[in-house]
C-alpha atoms as a PDB file:
ATOM      1  CA  UNK A   1     -12.046  13.755  -4.659  1.00  0.00           C
ATOM      2  CA  UNK A   2     -12.013  17.413  -5.548  1.00  0.00           C
ATOM      3  CA  UNK A   3     -14.864  19.671  -4.575  1.00  0.00           C
ATOM      4  CA  UNK A   4     -17.164  20.310  -7.520  1.00  0.00           C
ATOM      5  CA  UNK A   5     -18.969  23.278  -5.943  1.00  0.00           C
ATOM      6  CA  UNK A   6     -18.350  26.133  -3.562  1.00  0.00           C
ATOM      7  CA  UNK A   7     -17.813  23.815  -0.587  1.00  0.00           C
ATOM      8  CA  UNK A   8     -14.418  24.653   0.819  1.00  0.00           C
ATOM      9  CA  UNK A   9     -11.642  22.117   0.187  1.00  0.00           C
ATOM     10  CA  UNK A  10      -9.656  20.497   2.972  1.00  0.00           C
ATOM     11  CA  UNK A  11      -7.044  23.208   3.343  1.00  0.00           C
ATOM     12  CA  UNK A  12      -7.024  25.225   6.545  1.00  0.00           C
ATOM     13  CA  UNK A  13      -6.051  28.496   4.887  1.00  0.00           C
ATOM     14  CA  UNK A  14      -8.817  28.321   2.318  1.00  0.00           C
ATOM     15  CA  UNK A  15     -11.301  27.052   4.905  1.00  0.00           C
ATOM     16  CA  UNK A  16     -10.490  30.028   7.164  1.00  0.00           C
ATOM     17  CA  UNK A  17     -11.545  32.560   4.535  1.00  0.00           C
ATOM     18  CA  UNK A  18     -14.935  34.284   4.979  1.00  0.00           C
ATOM     19  CA  UNK A  19     -17.516  33.016   2.513  1.00  0.00           C
ATOM     20  CA  UNK A  20     -17.524  36.118   0.315  1.00  0.00           C
ATOM     21  CA  UNK A  21     -13.724  36.135  -0.021  1.00  0.00           C
ATOM     22  CA  UNK A  22     -13.597  32.422  -0.773  1.00  0.00           C
ATOM     23  CA  UNK A  23     -16.294  32.711  -3.431  1.00  0.00           C
ATOM     24  CA  UNK A  24     -14.302  35.451  -5.153  1.00  0.00           C
ATOM     25  CA  UNK A  25     -11.172  33.280  -5.108  1.00  0.00           C
ATOM     26  CA  UNK A  26     -12.892  30.022  -6.026  1.00  0.00           C
ATOM     27  CA  UNK A  27     -13.094  30.479  -9.852  1.00  0.00           C
ATOM     28  CA  UNK A  28      -9.300  30.847  -9.969  1.00  0.00           C
ATOM     29  CA  UNK A  29      -8.507  27.728  -7.925  1.00  0.00           C
ATOM     30  CA  UNK A  30      -7.475  24.816 -10.128  1.00  0.00           C
ATOM     31  CA  UNK A  31      -7.565  21.252  -8.715  1.00  0.00           C
ATOM     32  CA  UNK A  32      -4.229  19.487  -9.199  1.00  0.00           C
ATOM     33  CA  UNK A  33      -2.696  16.106  -8.503  1.00  0.00           C
ATOM     34  CA  UNK A  34       0.569  16.301  -6.571  1.00  0.00           C
ATOM     35  CA  UNK A  35       2.430  13.013  -7.078  1.00  0.00           C
ATOM     36  CA  UNK A  36       5.136  12.021  -4.634  1.00  0.00           C
ATOM     37  CA  UNK A  37       8.628  13.424  -5.404  1.00  0.00           C
ATOM     38  CA  UNK A  38       7.286  15.928  -7.933  1.00  0.00           C
ATOM     39  CA  UNK A  39       9.365  19.107  -7.835  1.00  0.00           C
ATOM     40  CA  UNK A  40       7.100  22.145  -7.895  1.00  0.00           C
ATOM     41  CA  UNK A  41       9.934  24.669  -7.984  1.00  0.00           C
ATOM     42  CA  UNK A  42      13.696  24.587  -8.175  1.00  0.00           C
ATOM     43  CA  UNK A  43      15.740  27.135  -6.261  1.00  0.00           C
ATOM     44  CA  UNK A  44      15.868  30.429  -8.158  1.00  0.00           C
ATOM     45  CA  UNK A  45      12.793  29.777 -10.304  1.00  0.00           C
ATOM     46  CA  UNK A  46       9.947  32.267 -10.457  1.00  0.00           C
ATOM     47  CA  UNK A  47       6.791  31.289  -8.617  1.00  0.00           C
ATOM     48  CA  UNK A  48       4.101  31.384 -11.289  1.00  0.00           C
ATOM     49  CA  UNK A  49       1.592  29.549  -9.094  1.00  0.00           C
ATOM     50  CA  UNK A  50       0.786  29.165  -5.422  1.00  0.00           C
ATOM     51  CA  UNK A  51      -0.257  25.699  -4.223  1.00  0.00           C
ATOM     52  CA  UNK A  52      -2.700  24.823  -1.448  1.00  0.00           C
ATOM     53  CA  UNK A  53      -2.214  21.149  -0.488  1.00  0.00           C
ATOM     54  CA  UNK A  54      -5.288  19.257   0.675  1.00  0.00           C
ATOM     55  CA  UNK A  55      -4.191  15.624   1.064  1.00  0.00           C
ATOM     56  CA  UNK A  56      -0.496  16.041   0.330  1.00  0.00           C
ATOM     57  CA  UNK A  57       2.665  17.458   1.848  1.00  0.00           C
ATOM     58  CA  UNK A  58       5.351  19.587   0.230  1.00  0.00           C
ATOM     59  CA  UNK A  59       8.834  20.069   1.675  1.00  0.00           C
ATOM     60  CA  UNK A  60      11.059  23.045   1.037  1.00  0.00           C
ATOM     61  CA  UNK A  61      14.659  21.866   1.029  1.00  0.00           C
ATOM     62  CA  UNK A  62      18.103  23.398   0.810  1.00  0.00           C
ATOM     63  CA  UNK A  63      20.459  21.645  -1.591  1.00  0.00           C
ATOM     64  CA  UNK A  64      24.196  22.039  -1.038  1.00  0.00           C
ATOM     65  CA  UNK A  65      26.904  22.104  -3.710  1.00  0.00           C
ATOM     66  CA  UNK A  66      27.827  18.490  -2.886  1.00  0.00           C
ATOM     67  CA  UNK A  67      24.226  17.393  -3.507  1.00  0.00           C
ATOM     68  CA  UNK A  68      23.281  16.859   0.135  1.00  0.00           C
ATOM     69  CA  UNK A  69      19.842  18.083   1.191  1.00  0.00           C
ATOM     70  CA  UNK A  70      18.049  19.083   4.357  1.00  0.00           C
ATOM     71  CA  UNK A  71      14.463  20.079   4.937  1.00  0.00           C
ATOM     72  CA  UNK A  72      13.865  23.660   6.043  1.00  0.00           C
ATOM     73  CA  UNK A  73      10.072  23.732   5.900  1.00  0.00           C
ATOM     74  CA  UNK A  74       7.062  21.443   5.585  1.00  0.00           C
ATOM     75  CA  UNK A  75       3.707  22.468   4.109  1.00  0.00           C
ATOM     76  CA  UNK A  76       0.504  20.481   4.273  1.00  0.00           C
ATOM     77  CA  UNK A  77      -3.195  21.161   4.607  1.00  0.00           C
ATOM     78  CA  UNK A  78      -2.456  24.024   6.998  1.00  0.00           C
ATOM     79  CA  UNK A  79      -0.679  26.174   4.427  1.00  0.00           C
ATOM     80  CA  UNK A  80       0.422  27.073   0.942  1.00  0.00           C
ATOM     81  CA  UNK A  81       3.487  26.858  -1.255  1.00  0.00           C
ATOM     82  CA  UNK A  82       4.324  30.319  -2.519  1.00  0.00           C
ATOM     83  CA  UNK A  83       5.659  32.694   0.129  1.00  0.00           C
ATOM     84  CA  UNK A  84       7.538  34.697  -2.568  1.00  0.00           C
ATOM     85  CA  UNK A  85       4.160  35.629  -4.082  1.00  0.00           C
ATOM     86  CA  UNK A  86       2.867  36.932  -0.767  1.00  0.00           C
ATOM     87  CA  UNK A  87       6.085  38.860  -0.159  1.00  0.00           C
ATOM     88  CA  UNK A  88       6.288  40.034  -3.786  1.00  0.00           C
ATOM     89  CA  UNK A  89       9.859  38.734  -4.187  1.00  0.00           C
ATOM     90  CA  UNK A  90       9.333  36.252  -7.025  1.00  0.00           C
ATOM     91  CA  UNK A  91      11.540  33.346  -5.948  1.00  0.00           C
ATOM     92  CA  UNK A  92      13.565  31.783  -3.117  1.00  0.00           C
ATOM     93  CA  UNK A  93      16.774  29.782  -2.831  1.00  0.00           C
ATOM     94  CA  UNK A  94      14.981  26.597  -1.738  1.00  0.00           C
ATOM     95  CA  UNK A  95      13.463  23.735  -3.736  1.00  0.00           C
ATOM     96  CA  UNK A  96       9.831  22.651  -3.217  1.00  0.00           C
ATOM     97  CA  UNK A  97       9.248  18.903  -3.555  1.00  0.00           C
ATOM     98  CA  UNK A  98       6.150  16.803  -2.882  1.00  0.00           C
ATOM     99  CA  UNK A  99       6.869  14.586   0.092  1.00  0.00           C
ATOM    100  CA  UNK A 100       3.525  12.773   0.435  1.00  0.00           C
ATOM    101  CA  UNK A 101       1.550  12.507  -2.784  1.00  0.00           C
ATOM    102  CA  UNK A 102      -2.073  13.533  -2.988  1.00  0.00           C
ATOM    103  CA  UNK A 103      -4.025  16.487  -4.303  1.00  0.00           C
ATOM    104  CA  UNK A 104      -4.592  20.166  -3.748  1.00  0.00           C
ATOM    105  CA  UNK A 105      -5.283  23.410  -5.552  1.00  0.00           C
ATOM    106  CA  UNK A 106      -3.183  25.940  -7.381  1.00  0.00           C
ATOM    107  CA  UNK A 107      -3.776  29.551  -8.336  1.00  0.00           C
ATOM    108  CA  UNK A 108      -1.872  31.776 -10.734  1.00  0.00           C
ATOM    109  CA  UNK A 109       0.424  34.265  -9.010  1.00  0.00           C
ATOM    110  CA  UNK A 110      -1.260  37.148 -10.852  1.00  0.00           C
ATOM    111  CA  UNK A 111      -4.715  36.205  -9.565  1.00  0.00           C
ATOM    112  CA  UNK A 112      -3.449  35.773  -6.016  1.00  0.00           C
ATOM    113  CA  UNK A 113      -1.683  39.134  -6.149  1.00  0.00           C
ATOM    114  CA  UNK A 114      -4.868  40.845  -7.315  1.00  0.00           C
ATOM    115  CA  UNK A 115      -6.747  39.462  -4.325  1.00  0.00           C
ATOM    116  CA  UNK A 116      -3.930  40.430  -1.951  1.00  0.00           C
ATOM    117  CA  UNK A 117      -4.063  43.979  -3.299  1.00  0.00           C
ATOM    118  CA  UNK A 118      -7.621  44.263  -2.015  1.00  0.00           C
ATOM    119  CA  UNK A 119      -6.118  44.410   1.489  1.00  0.00           C
ATOM    120  CA  UNK A 120      -8.928  42.187   2.698  1.00  0.00           C
ATOM    121  CA  UNK A 121      -9.341  38.971   4.668  1.00  0.00           C
ATOM    122  CA  UNK A 122      -6.995  36.959   2.444  1.00  0.00           C
ATOM    123  CA  UNK A 123      -4.164  39.459   2.946  1.00  0.00           C
ATOM    124  CA  UNK A 124      -4.578  39.402   6.723  1.00  0.00           C
ATOM    125  CA  UNK A 125      -4.777  35.607   6.811  1.00  0.00           C
ATOM    126  CA  UNK A 126      -1.718  35.056   4.633  1.00  0.00           C
ATOM    127  CA  UNK A 127       0.369  37.542   6.600  1.00  0.00           C
ATOM    128  CA  UNK A 128      -0.407  35.556   9.747  1.00  0.00           C
ATOM    129  CA  UNK A 129       0.594  32.441   7.829  1.00  0.00           C
ATOM    130  CA  UNK A 130       3.910  34.064   6.892  1.00  0.00           C
ATOM    131  CA  UNK A 131       4.582  34.654  10.589  1.00  0.00           C
ATOM    132  CA  UNK A 132       3.729  31.028  11.384  1.00  0.00           C
ATOM    133  CA  UNK A 133       6.129  29.842   8.678  1.00  0.00           C
ATOM    134  CA  UNK A 134       8.908  32.079  10.013  1.00  0.00           C
ATOM    135  CA  UNK A 135       8.377  30.534  13.446  1.00  0.00           C
ATOM    136  CA  UNK A 136       8.490  27.075  11.883  1.00  0.00           C
ATOM    137  CA  UNK A 137      11.702  27.846  10.008  1.00  0.00           C
ATOM    138  CA  UNK A 138      13.426  29.303  13.038  1.00  0.00           C
ATOM    139  CA  UNK A 139      12.365  26.517  15.374  1.00  0.00           C
ATOM    140  CA  UNK A 140      13.372  23.874  12.827  1.00  0.00           C
ATOM    141  CA  UNK A 141      16.843  25.403  12.610  1.00  0.00           C
ATOM    142  CA  UNK A 142      17.145  25.307  16.404  1.00  0.00           C
ATOM    143  CA  UNK A 143      15.819  21.752  16.480  1.00  0.00           C
ATOM    144  CA  UNK A 144      18.359  20.599  13.889  1.00  0.00           C
ATOM    145  CA  UNK A 145      21.122  22.128  16.008  1.00  0.00           C
ATOM    146  CA  UNK A 146      20.192  21.028  19.527  1.00  0.00           C
ATOM    147  CA  UNK A 147      17.999  17.944  19.357  1.00  0.00           C
ATOM    148  CA  UNK A 148      18.775  14.331  18.557  1.00  0.00           C
ATOM    149  CA  UNK A 149      17.951  12.656  15.267  1.00  0.00           C
ATOM    150  CA  UNK A 150      15.513  10.458  17.171  1.00  0.00           C
ATOM    151  CA  UNK A 151      13.610  13.485  18.482  1.00  0.00           C
ATOM    152  CA  UNK A 152      13.610  15.131  15.054  1.00  0.00           C
ATOM    153  CA  UNK A 153      12.380  11.922  13.415  1.00  0.00           C
ATOM    154  CA  UNK A 154       9.482  11.732  15.880  1.00  0.00           C
ATOM    155  CA  UNK A 155       8.633  15.417  15.325  1.00  0.00           C
ATOM    156  CA  UNK A 156       8.725  14.895  11.581  1.00  0.00           C
ATOM    157  CA  UNK A 157       6.348  11.911  11.669  1.00  0.00           C
ATOM    158  CA  UNK A 158       3.908  13.792  13.907  1.00  0.00           C
ATOM    159  CA  UNK A 159       3.951  16.793  11.593  1.00  0.00           C
ATOM    160  CA  UNK A 160       3.249  14.600   8.564  1.00  0.00           C
ATOM    161  CA  UNK A 161       0.372  12.932  10.417  1.00  0.00           C
ATOM    162  CA  UNK A 162      -1.148  16.287  11.383  1.00  0.00           C
ATOM    163  CA  UNK A 163      -0.844  17.701   7.880  1.00  0.00           C
ATOM    164  CA  UNK A 164      -2.624  14.844   6.119  1.00  0.00           C
ATOM    165  CA  UNK A 165      -4.827  13.739   9.047  1.00  0.00           C
ATOM    166  CA  UNK A 166      -3.813  10.112   8.567  1.00  0.00           C
ATOM    167  CA  UNK A 167      -1.759   7.678  10.634  1.00  0.00           C
ATOM    168  CA  UNK A 168      -0.413   5.804   7.608  1.00  0.00           C
ATOM    169  CA  UNK A 169       1.616   7.204   4.723  1.00  0.00           C
ATOM    170  CA  UNK A 170       4.212   6.197   2.149  1.00  0.00           C
ATOM    171  CA  UNK A 171       7.778   7.362   2.785  1.00  0.00           C
ATOM    172  CA  UNK A 172      11.068   5.596   2.122  1.00  0.00           C
ATOM    173  CA  UNK A 173      13.941   5.681   4.580  1.00  0.00           C
ATOM    174  CA  UNK A 174      16.126   7.144   1.849  1.00  0.00           C
ATOM    175  CA  UNK A 175      13.808  10.104   1.406  1.00  0.00           C
ATOM    176  CA  UNK A 176      13.444  10.596   5.163  1.00  0.00           C
ATOM    177  CA  UNK A 177      17.220  10.657   5.549  1.00  0.00           C
ATOM    178  CA  UNK A 178      17.474  13.324   2.839  1.00  0.00           C
ATOM    179  CA  UNK A 179      14.843  15.490   4.515  1.00  0.00           C
ATOM    180  CA  UNK A 180      16.498  15.192   7.934  1.00  0.00           C
ATOM    181  CA  UNK A 181      19.990  15.612   6.513  1.00  0.00           C
ATOM    182  CA  UNK A 182      21.310  12.409   8.095  1.00  0.00           C
ATOM    183  CA  UNK A 183      22.575   9.046   6.891  1.00  0.00           C
ATOM    184  CA  UNK A 184      20.061   6.398   5.910  1.00  0.00           C
ATOM    185  CA  UNK A 185      21.570   3.939   8.407  1.00  0.00           C
ATOM    186  CA  UNK A 186      20.663   6.335  11.211  1.00  0.00           C
ATOM    187  CA  UNK A 187      17.045   6.492  10.078  1.00  0.00           C
ATOM    188  CA  UNK A 188      16.926   2.694   9.738  1.00  0.00           C
ATOM    189  CA  UNK A 189      18.145   2.243  13.304  1.00  0.00           C
ATOM    190  CA  UNK A 190      15.608   4.681  14.727  1.00  0.00           C
ATOM    191  CA  UNK A 191      12.756   3.214  12.680  1.00  0.00           C
ATOM    192  CA  UNK A 192      13.663  -0.272  13.916  1.00  0.00           C
ATOM    193  CA  UNK A 193      13.811   1.001  17.517  1.00  0.00           C
ATOM    194  CA  UNK A 194      10.416   2.687  17.235  1.00  0.00           C
ATOM    195  CA  UNK A 195       8.896  -0.409  15.654  1.00  0.00           C
ATOM    196  CA  UNK A 196      10.247  -2.648  18.405  1.00  0.00           C
ATOM    197  CA  UNK A 197       8.783  -0.281  21.011  1.00  0.00           C
ATOM    198  CA  UNK A 198       5.366  -0.473  19.346  1.00  0.00           C
ATOM    199  CA  UNK A 199       5.384   3.190  18.303  1.00  0.00           C
ATOM    200  CA  UNK A 200       5.257   2.665  14.536  1.00  0.00           C
ATOM    201  CA  UNK A 201       5.036  -0.083  11.952  1.00  0.00           C
ATOM    202  CA  UNK A 202       7.297   0.189   8.940  1.00  0.00           C
ATOM    203  CA  UNK A 203       7.254  -2.044   5.866  1.00  0.00           C
ATOM    204  CA  UNK A 204       8.243  -1.461   2.242  1.00  0.00           C
ATOM    205  CA  UNK A 205       8.116   2.302   2.393  1.00  0.00           C
ATOM    206  CA  UNK A 206       4.843   2.487   4.346  1.00  0.00           C
ATOM    207  CA  UNK A 207       4.799   3.923   7.860  1.00  0.00           C
ATOM    208  CA  UNK A 208       1.885   3.544  10.244  1.00  0.00           C
ATOM    209  CA  UNK A 209       1.819   5.347  13.575  1.00  0.00           C
ATOM    210  CA  UNK A 210       0.646   2.848  16.171  1.00  0.00           C
ATOM    211  CA  UNK A 211       0.934   5.018  19.287  1.00  0.00           C
ATOM    212  CA  UNK A 212       0.697   8.774  18.901  1.00  0.00           C
ATOM    213  CA  UNK A 213       1.125   9.180  22.659  1.00  0.00           C
ATOM    214  CA  UNK A 214       4.463   7.374  22.677  1.00  0.00           C
ATOM    215  CA  UNK A 215       5.594   9.207  19.562  1.00  0.00           C
ATOM    216  CA  UNK A 216       4.830  12.557  21.192  1.00  0.00           C
ATOM    217  CA  UNK A 217       6.783  11.437  24.268  1.00  0.00           C
ATOM    218  CA  UNK A 218       9.769  10.653  22.026  1.00  0.00           C
ATOM    219  CA  UNK A 219       9.912  14.050  20.356  1.00  0.00           C
ATOM    220  CA  UNK A 220      11.149  17.457  21.578  1.00  0.00           C
ATOM    221  CA  UNK A 221       9.314  20.625  22.581  1.00  0.00           C
ATOM    222  CA  UNK A 222       9.597  21.950  19.029  1.00  0.00           C
ATOM    223  CA  UNK A 223       6.637  19.884  17.841  1.00  0.00           C
ATOM    224  CA  UNK A 224       4.160  21.384  20.309  1.00  0.00           C
ATOM    225  CA  UNK A 225       5.560  24.899  19.912  1.00  0.00           C
ATOM    226  CA  UNK A 226       5.143  24.900  16.129  1.00  0.00           C
ATOM    227  CA  UNK A 227       1.754  23.176  16.302  1.00  0.00           C
ATOM    228  CA  UNK A 228       0.420  25.697  18.818  1.00  0.00           C
ATOM    229  CA  UNK A 229       1.662  28.676  16.834  1.00  0.00           C
ATOM    230  CA  UNK A 230      -0.052  27.505  13.641  1.00  0.00           C
ATOM    231  CA  UNK A 231      -3.254  26.859  15.587  1.00  0.00           C
ATOM    232  CA  UNK A 232      -3.088  30.292  17.228  1.00  0.00           C
ATOM    233  CA  UNK A 233      -2.298  32.285  14.112  1.00  0.00           C
ATOM    234  CA  UNK A 234      -4.605  30.506  11.682  1.00  0.00           C
ATOM    235  CA  UNK A 235      -7.752  30.088  13.743  1.00  0.00           C
END
């Protein structure tokens, strides 16, 4: 349910703002539903709004000429969709698609820019967020190059769990394979292996993490590195 007063919504960026700054931003925040698979922006489109997910996750993906896709960034309750607005560049070459449906807030680019121009708390906070996202992007690229699909799958599930603060979510193997840039059969094999080991339960597009400890043991160092950087920069 959306907040109906000045209580801060469940988004770490918005929650980190000092009260006075949040109150100034609040009238411009519009509650929005973010249904699964909704495309917020195609590559090359202008960013007219920034989005702050609360109970949803948005992936930024690169789409190749042959139609294949791979995830290059993941944004949940710790962040916002709209780096081009912060950097005053207008658009990027990636596509933003809702991975886990839920809700959040959006704000017009013009209103966000006006607040950034104040050079206040929001500007400082979002610049730290930009650094955290750059770390995420760079580490994800390294992870895709050097770590196994099994490790990346585990990291991905842990990141989704952290971003929505839930152990159960709806994701199809087809969509997971697109985000990881691998064949669906590979995802099916890993999901079956994890289920047999008692790490997850998977049925009809729903995944439930049974053992976070075992899932963390199955992933690579990239998960903890990215998690710690976001915690350090956004506290």
